[in-house]
Amino acid sequence: MTPQEPRLTHTAPEVYATDIVLPNQTNGHGTMFGGEVMALMDKTAAVAALRFCRRAVVTASSERIDFRTPIHPSEIIEARARVIHVGRTSMIVRIHIFAEHPLRGDRRLCTTGYFSMVALDERRQPCAVPLLQLDDDEARAEWVIGEDIRRGIKARQA
């Protein structure tokens, strides 16, 4: 996209990734390592950003991550990610991690986090991303959260 081209407006589909927690992914407390959860979040955020802008992306920062409840071995985990805010070259992606008991089907929200992703052109330089279409009240509310996160990033860079 050249500077003269208008930025298109895209919707942001939710991206899903599912896995099962194996014993080697757990710590001495018998719960999933936080770093393992964060790796899944980062990968799912990257796919959400890629699908939104159809450009190569890199993680610029991980923002607030709230670990609410532990995840146990043999549980099914699902990451749900969506681009909730865009700047000129960056995107804020929200990721929810759910855990599910494999036999009973009980599900719970375990972790929520936000990642800042930057789109890259063919020379690996930051490039413009599409504008984000906000289709409903939930999307508009998440945009506000993303704007707060973006302000925090800008403040740290000053």
C-alpha atoms as a PDB file:
ATOM      1  CA  MET A   1       0.000   0.000   0.000  1.00  0.00           C
ATOM      2  CA  THR A   2       1.554   3.291  -1.069  1.00  0.00           C
ATOM      3  CA  PRO A   3       0.982   6.543   0.840  1.00  0.00           C
ATOM      4  CA  GLN A   4      -1.407   7.700  -1.913  1.00  0.00           C
ATOM      5  CA  GLU A   5      -3.671   4.656  -1.690  1.00  0.00           C
ATOM      6  CA  PRO A   6      -6.715   4.988   0.558  1.00  0.00           C
ATOM      7  CA  ARG A   7      -6.855   2.623   3.512  1.00  0.00           C
ATOM      8  CA  LEU A   8      -9.574   0.036   3.154  1.00  0.00           C
ATOM      9  CA  THR A   9     -11.883  -0.830   6.027  1.00  0.00           C
ATOM     10  CA  HIS A  10     -11.953  -4.460   7.171  1.00  0.00           C
ATOM     11  CA  THR A  11     -13.874  -6.407   9.749  1.00  0.00           C
ATOM     12  CA  ALA A  12     -11.812  -8.406  12.240  1.00  0.00           C
ATOM     13  CA  PRO A  13     -12.801 -12.060  12.404  1.00  0.00           C
ATOM     14  CA  GLU A  14     -12.239 -13.923  15.646  1.00  0.00           C
ATOM     15  CA  VAL A  15      -9.460 -16.514  15.390  1.00  0.00           C
ATOM     16  CA  TYR A  16      -9.514 -19.767  17.356  1.00  0.00           C
ATOM     17  CA  ALA A  17      -6.671 -22.083  18.357  1.00  0.00           C
ATOM     18  CA  THR A  18      -7.251 -25.251  20.367  1.00  0.00           C
ATOM     19  CA  ASP A  19      -4.788 -27.491  22.182  1.00  0.00           C
ATOM     20  CA  ILE A  20      -4.590 -29.947  25.050  1.00  0.00           C
ATOM     21  CA  VAL A  21      -2.353 -29.411  28.085  1.00  0.00           C
ATOM     22  CA  LEU A  22       0.339 -32.066  28.424  1.00  0.00           C
ATOM     23  CA  PRO A  23       2.271 -32.849  31.614  1.00  0.00           C
ATOM     24  CA  ASN A  24       5.501 -31.301  30.247  1.00  0.00           C
ATOM     25  CA  GLN A  25       3.649 -27.961  29.962  1.00  0.00           C
ATOM     26  CA  THR A  26       2.980 -27.788  33.690  1.00  0.00           C
ATOM     27  CA  ASN A  27       4.952 -26.462  36.643  1.00  0.00           C
ATOM     28  CA  GLY A  28       5.583 -27.861  40.118  1.00  0.00           C
ATOM     29  CA  HIS A  29       2.103 -26.734  41.199  1.00  0.00           C
ATOM     30  CA  GLY A  30       0.495 -28.970  38.582  1.00  0.00           C
ATOM     31  CA  THR A  31      -0.756 -26.045  36.510  1.00  0.00           C
ATOM     32  CA  MET A  32       0.152 -24.827  33.047  1.00  0.00           C
ATOM     33  CA  PHE A  33       3.259 -22.633  32.833  1.00  0.00           C
ATOM     34  CA  GLY A  34       2.367 -18.977  32.254  1.00  0.00           C
ATOM     35  CA  GLY A  35       4.986 -18.824  29.508  1.00  0.00           C
ATOM     36  CA  GLU A  36       3.241 -21.655  27.649  1.00  0.00           C
ATOM     37  CA  VAL A  37      -0.031 -19.736  27.861  1.00  0.00           C
ATOM     38  CA  MET A  38       1.678 -16.570  26.632  1.00  0.00           C
ATOM     39  CA  ALA A  39       3.252 -18.426  23.674  1.00  0.00           C
ATOM     40  CA  LEU A  40      -0.188 -19.659  22.589  1.00  0.00           C
ATOM     41  CA  MET A  41      -1.550 -16.132  22.993  1.00  0.00           C
ATOM     42  CA  ASP A  42       1.265 -14.648  20.891  1.00  0.00           C
ATOM     43  CA  LYS A  43       0.782 -17.150  18.060  1.00  0.00           C
ATOM     44  CA  THR A  44      -2.986 -16.671  18.033  1.00  0.00           C
ATOM     45  CA  ALA A  45      -2.571 -12.881  18.084  1.00  0.00           C
ATOM     46  CA  ALA A  46      -0.238 -13.165  15.096  1.00  0.00           C
ATOM     47  CA  VAL A  47      -2.787 -15.189  13.123  1.00  0.00           C
ATOM     48  CA  ALA A  48      -5.556 -12.700  13.967  1.00  0.00           C
ATOM     49  CA  ALA A  49      -3.366  -9.795  12.834  1.00  0.00           C
ATOM     50  CA  LEU A  50      -2.266 -11.627   9.674  1.00  0.00           C
ATOM     51  CA  ARG A  51      -5.836 -12.419   8.705  1.00  0.00           C
ATOM     52  CA  PHE A  52      -6.863  -8.830   9.319  1.00  0.00           C
ATOM     53  CA  CYS A  53      -4.142  -7.026   7.364  1.00  0.00           C
ATOM     54  CA  ARG A  54      -2.757  -9.804   5.101  1.00  0.00           C
ATOM     55  CA  ARG A  55       0.786  -8.581   5.776  1.00  0.00           C
ATOM     56  CA  ALA A  56       3.716 -10.063   7.656  1.00  0.00           C
ATOM     57  CA  VAL A  57       3.437  -9.076  11.322  1.00  0.00           C
ATOM     58  CA  VAL A  58       5.684  -8.959  14.370  1.00  0.00           C
ATOM     59  CA  THR A  59       4.868  -8.659  18.034  1.00  0.00           C
ATOM     60  CA  ALA A  60       5.744  -5.163  19.246  1.00  0.00           C
ATOM     61  CA  SER A  61       4.688  -5.730  22.860  1.00  0.00           C
ATOM     62  CA  SER A  62       2.610  -7.849  25.153  1.00  0.00           C
ATOM     63  CA  GLU A  63       0.377  -5.658  27.207  1.00  0.00           C
ATOM     64  CA  ARG A  64      -1.769  -6.394  30.239  1.00  0.00           C
ATOM     65  CA  ILE A  65      -2.190 -10.134  30.781  1.00  0.00           C
ATOM     66  CA  ASP A  66      -4.490 -11.290  33.556  1.00  0.00           C
ATOM     67  CA  PHE A  67      -4.142 -14.899  34.722  1.00  0.00           C
ATOM     68  CA  ARG A  68      -7.503 -15.488  36.417  1.00  0.00           C
ATOM     69  CA  THR A  69      -7.656 -19.222  37.086  1.00  0.00           C
ATOM     70  CA  PRO A  70      -5.117 -22.043  36.714  1.00  0.00           C
ATOM     71  CA  ILE A  71      -5.148 -24.471  33.800  1.00  0.00           C
ATOM     72  CA  HIS A  72      -4.617 -28.156  34.584  1.00  0.00           C
ATOM     73  CA  PRO A  73      -3.038 -31.080  32.709  1.00  0.00           C
ATOM     74  CA  SER A  74      -5.319 -32.834  30.198  1.00  0.00           C
ATOM     75  CA  GLU A  75      -7.620 -29.824  29.932  1.00  0.00           C
ATOM     76  CA  ILE A  76      -8.549 -28.573  26.489  1.00  0.00           C
ATOM     77  CA  ILE A  77      -7.502 -24.975  26.012  1.00  0.00           C
ATOM     78  CA  GLU A  78      -8.882 -22.587  23.446  1.00  0.00           C
ATOM     79  CA  ALA A  79      -7.465 -19.215  22.482  1.00  0.00           C
ATOM     80  CA  ARG A  80      -9.804 -16.663  20.916  1.00  0.00           C
ATOM     81  CA  ALA A  81      -8.171 -13.612  19.396  1.00  0.00           C
ATOM     82  CA  ARG A  82      -9.469 -10.551  17.574  1.00  0.00           C
ATOM     83  CA  VAL A  83      -8.007  -7.270  16.371  1.00  0.00           C
ATOM     84  CA  ILE A  84      -9.814  -4.652  18.476  1.00  0.00           C
ATOM     85  CA  HIS A  85      -7.918  -1.473  17.585  1.00  0.00           C
ATOM     86  CA  VAL A  86      -5.710  -0.205  14.777  1.00  0.00           C
ATOM     87  CA  GLY A  87      -3.292   2.654  14.387  1.00  0.00           C
ATOM     88  CA  ARG A  88      -1.459   3.483  11.191  1.00  0.00           C
ATOM     89  CA  THR A  89       0.859   0.424  11.216  1.00  0.00           C
ATOM     90  CA  SER A  90      -0.071  -1.341  14.447  1.00  0.00           C
ATOM     91  CA  MET A  91      -2.930  -3.430  15.753  1.00  0.00           C
ATOM     92  CA  ILE A  92      -4.041  -4.248  19.285  1.00  0.00           C
ATOM     93  CA  VAL A  93      -5.198  -7.855  19.539  1.00  0.00           C
ATOM     94  CA  ARG A  94      -7.303  -9.133  22.455  1.00  0.00           C
ATOM     95  CA  ILE A  95      -6.872 -12.786  23.394  1.00  0.00           C
ATOM     96  CA  HIS A  96      -9.045 -14.853  25.743  1.00  0.00           C
ATOM     97  CA  ILE A  97      -7.866 -18.277  26.926  1.00  0.00           C
ATOM     98  CA  PHE A  98     -10.543 -20.756  27.985  1.00  0.00           C
ATOM     99  CA  ALA A  99      -9.995 -24.129  29.649  1.00  0.00           C
ATOM    100  CA  GLU A 100     -12.395 -27.032  29.375  1.00  0.00           C
ATOM    101  CA  HIS A 101     -12.596 -30.230  31.358  1.00  0.00           C
ATOM    102  CA  PRO A 102     -12.280 -32.926  28.668  1.00  0.00           C
ATOM    103  CA  LEU A 103     -14.920 -35.265  30.111  1.00  0.00           C
ATOM    104  CA  ARG A 104     -17.463 -32.959  31.723  1.00  0.00           C
ATOM    105  CA  GLY A 105     -17.229 -30.088  29.250  1.00  0.00           C
ATOM    106  CA  ASP A 106     -17.071 -27.418  31.979  1.00  0.00           C
ATOM    107  CA  ARG A 107     -15.517 -24.267  30.467  1.00  0.00           C
ATOM    108  CA  ARG A 108     -14.064 -21.228  32.174  1.00  0.00           C
ATOM    109  CA  LEU A 109     -12.229 -18.081  31.141  1.00  0.00           C
ATOM    110  CA  CYS A 110      -8.687 -18.414  32.493  1.00  0.00           C
ATOM    111  CA  THR A 111      -6.600 -15.645  30.938  1.00  0.00           C
ATOM    112  CA  THR A 112      -7.126 -12.404  29.031  1.00  0.00           C
ATOM    113  CA  GLY A 113      -4.362 -10.435  27.395  1.00  0.00           C
ATOM    114  CA  TYR A 114      -3.550  -7.859  24.758  1.00  0.00           C
ATOM    115  CA  PHE A 115      -0.716  -7.835  22.228  1.00  0.00           C
ATOM    116  CA  SER A 116       0.470  -5.014  20.000  1.00  0.00           C
ATOM    117  CA  MET A 117       1.333  -6.260  16.517  1.00  0.00           C
ATOM    118  CA  VAL A 118       2.992  -4.276  13.702  1.00  0.00           C
ATOM    119  CA  ALA A 119       2.494  -4.938   9.978  1.00  0.00           C
ATOM    120  CA  LEU A 120       5.578  -5.148   7.765  1.00  0.00           C
ATOM    121  CA  ASP A 121       6.060  -4.569   4.049  1.00  0.00           C
ATOM    122  CA  GLU A 122       8.314  -6.547   1.704  1.00  0.00           C
ATOM    123  CA  ARG A 123      11.406  -4.694   3.028  1.00  0.00           C
ATOM    124  CA  ARG A 124      10.404  -5.560   6.620  1.00  0.00           C
ATOM    125  CA  GLN A 125       9.504  -1.944   7.352  1.00  0.00           C
ATOM    126  CA  PRO A 126       6.274  -0.941   9.168  1.00  0.00           C
ATOM    127  CA  CYS A 127       3.430  -0.389   6.725  1.00  0.00           C
ATOM    128  CA  ALA A 128      -0.171   0.816   6.854  1.00  0.00           C
ATOM    129  CA  VAL A 129      -2.947  -1.514   7.969  1.00  0.00           C
ATOM    130  CA  PRO A 130      -6.623  -1.324   7.017  1.00  0.00           C
ATOM    131  CA  LEU A 131      -9.047   0.673   9.109  1.00  0.00           C
ATOM    132  CA  LEU A 132     -11.129  -1.410  11.512  1.00  0.00           C
ATOM    133  CA  GLN A 133     -14.855  -1.701  10.913  1.00  0.00           C
ATOM    134  CA  LEU A 134     -16.770  -1.561  14.205  1.00  0.00           C
ATOM    135  CA  ASP A 135     -20.000  -3.492  13.650  1.00  0.00           C
ATOM    136  CA  ASP A 136     -21.599  -3.468  17.102  1.00  0.00           C
ATOM    137  CA  ASP A 137     -21.495  -2.116  20.647  1.00  0.00           C
ATOM    138  CA  GLU A 138     -19.081  -4.831  21.779  1.00  0.00           C
ATOM    139  CA  ALA A 139     -16.609  -3.904  19.018  1.00  0.00           C
ATOM    140  CA  ARG A 140     -16.906  -0.214  19.936  1.00  0.00           C
ATOM    141  CA  ALA A 141     -16.327  -0.997  23.639  1.00  0.00           C
ATOM    142  CA  GLU A 142     -13.245  -3.074  22.796  1.00  0.00           C
ATOM    143  CA  TRP A 143     -11.976  -0.217  20.587  1.00  0.00           C
ATOM    144  CA  VAL A 144     -11.978   2.011  23.692  1.00  0.00           C
ATOM    145  CA  ILE A 145      -9.931  -0.579  25.593  1.00  0.00           C
ATOM    146  CA  GLY A 146      -7.524  -0.766  22.665  1.00  0.00           C
ATOM    147  CA  GLU A 147      -7.225   3.023  22.573  1.00  0.00           C
ATOM    148  CA  ASP A 148      -6.302   3.054  26.280  1.00  0.00           C
ATOM    149  CA  ILE A 149      -3.654   0.397  25.635  1.00  0.00           C
ATOM    150  CA  ARG A 150      -2.317   2.365  22.667  1.00  0.00           C
ATOM    151  CA  ARG A 151      -2.052   5.516  24.805  1.00  0.00           C
ATOM    152  CA  GLY A 152      -0.078   3.562  27.391  1.00  0.00           C
ATOM    153  CA  ILE A 153       2.316   2.318  24.721  1.00  0.00           C
ATOM    154  CA  LYS A 154       2.800   5.851  23.373  1.00  0.00           C
ATOM    155  CA  ALA A 155       3.431   7.182  26.897  1.00  0.00           C
ATOM    156  CA  ARG A 156       6.167   4.577  27.459  1.00  0.00           C
ATOM    157  CA  GLN A 157       7.800   5.527  24.164  1.00  0.00           C
ATOM    158  CA  ALA A 158       7.939   9.246  25.008  1.00  0.00           C
END
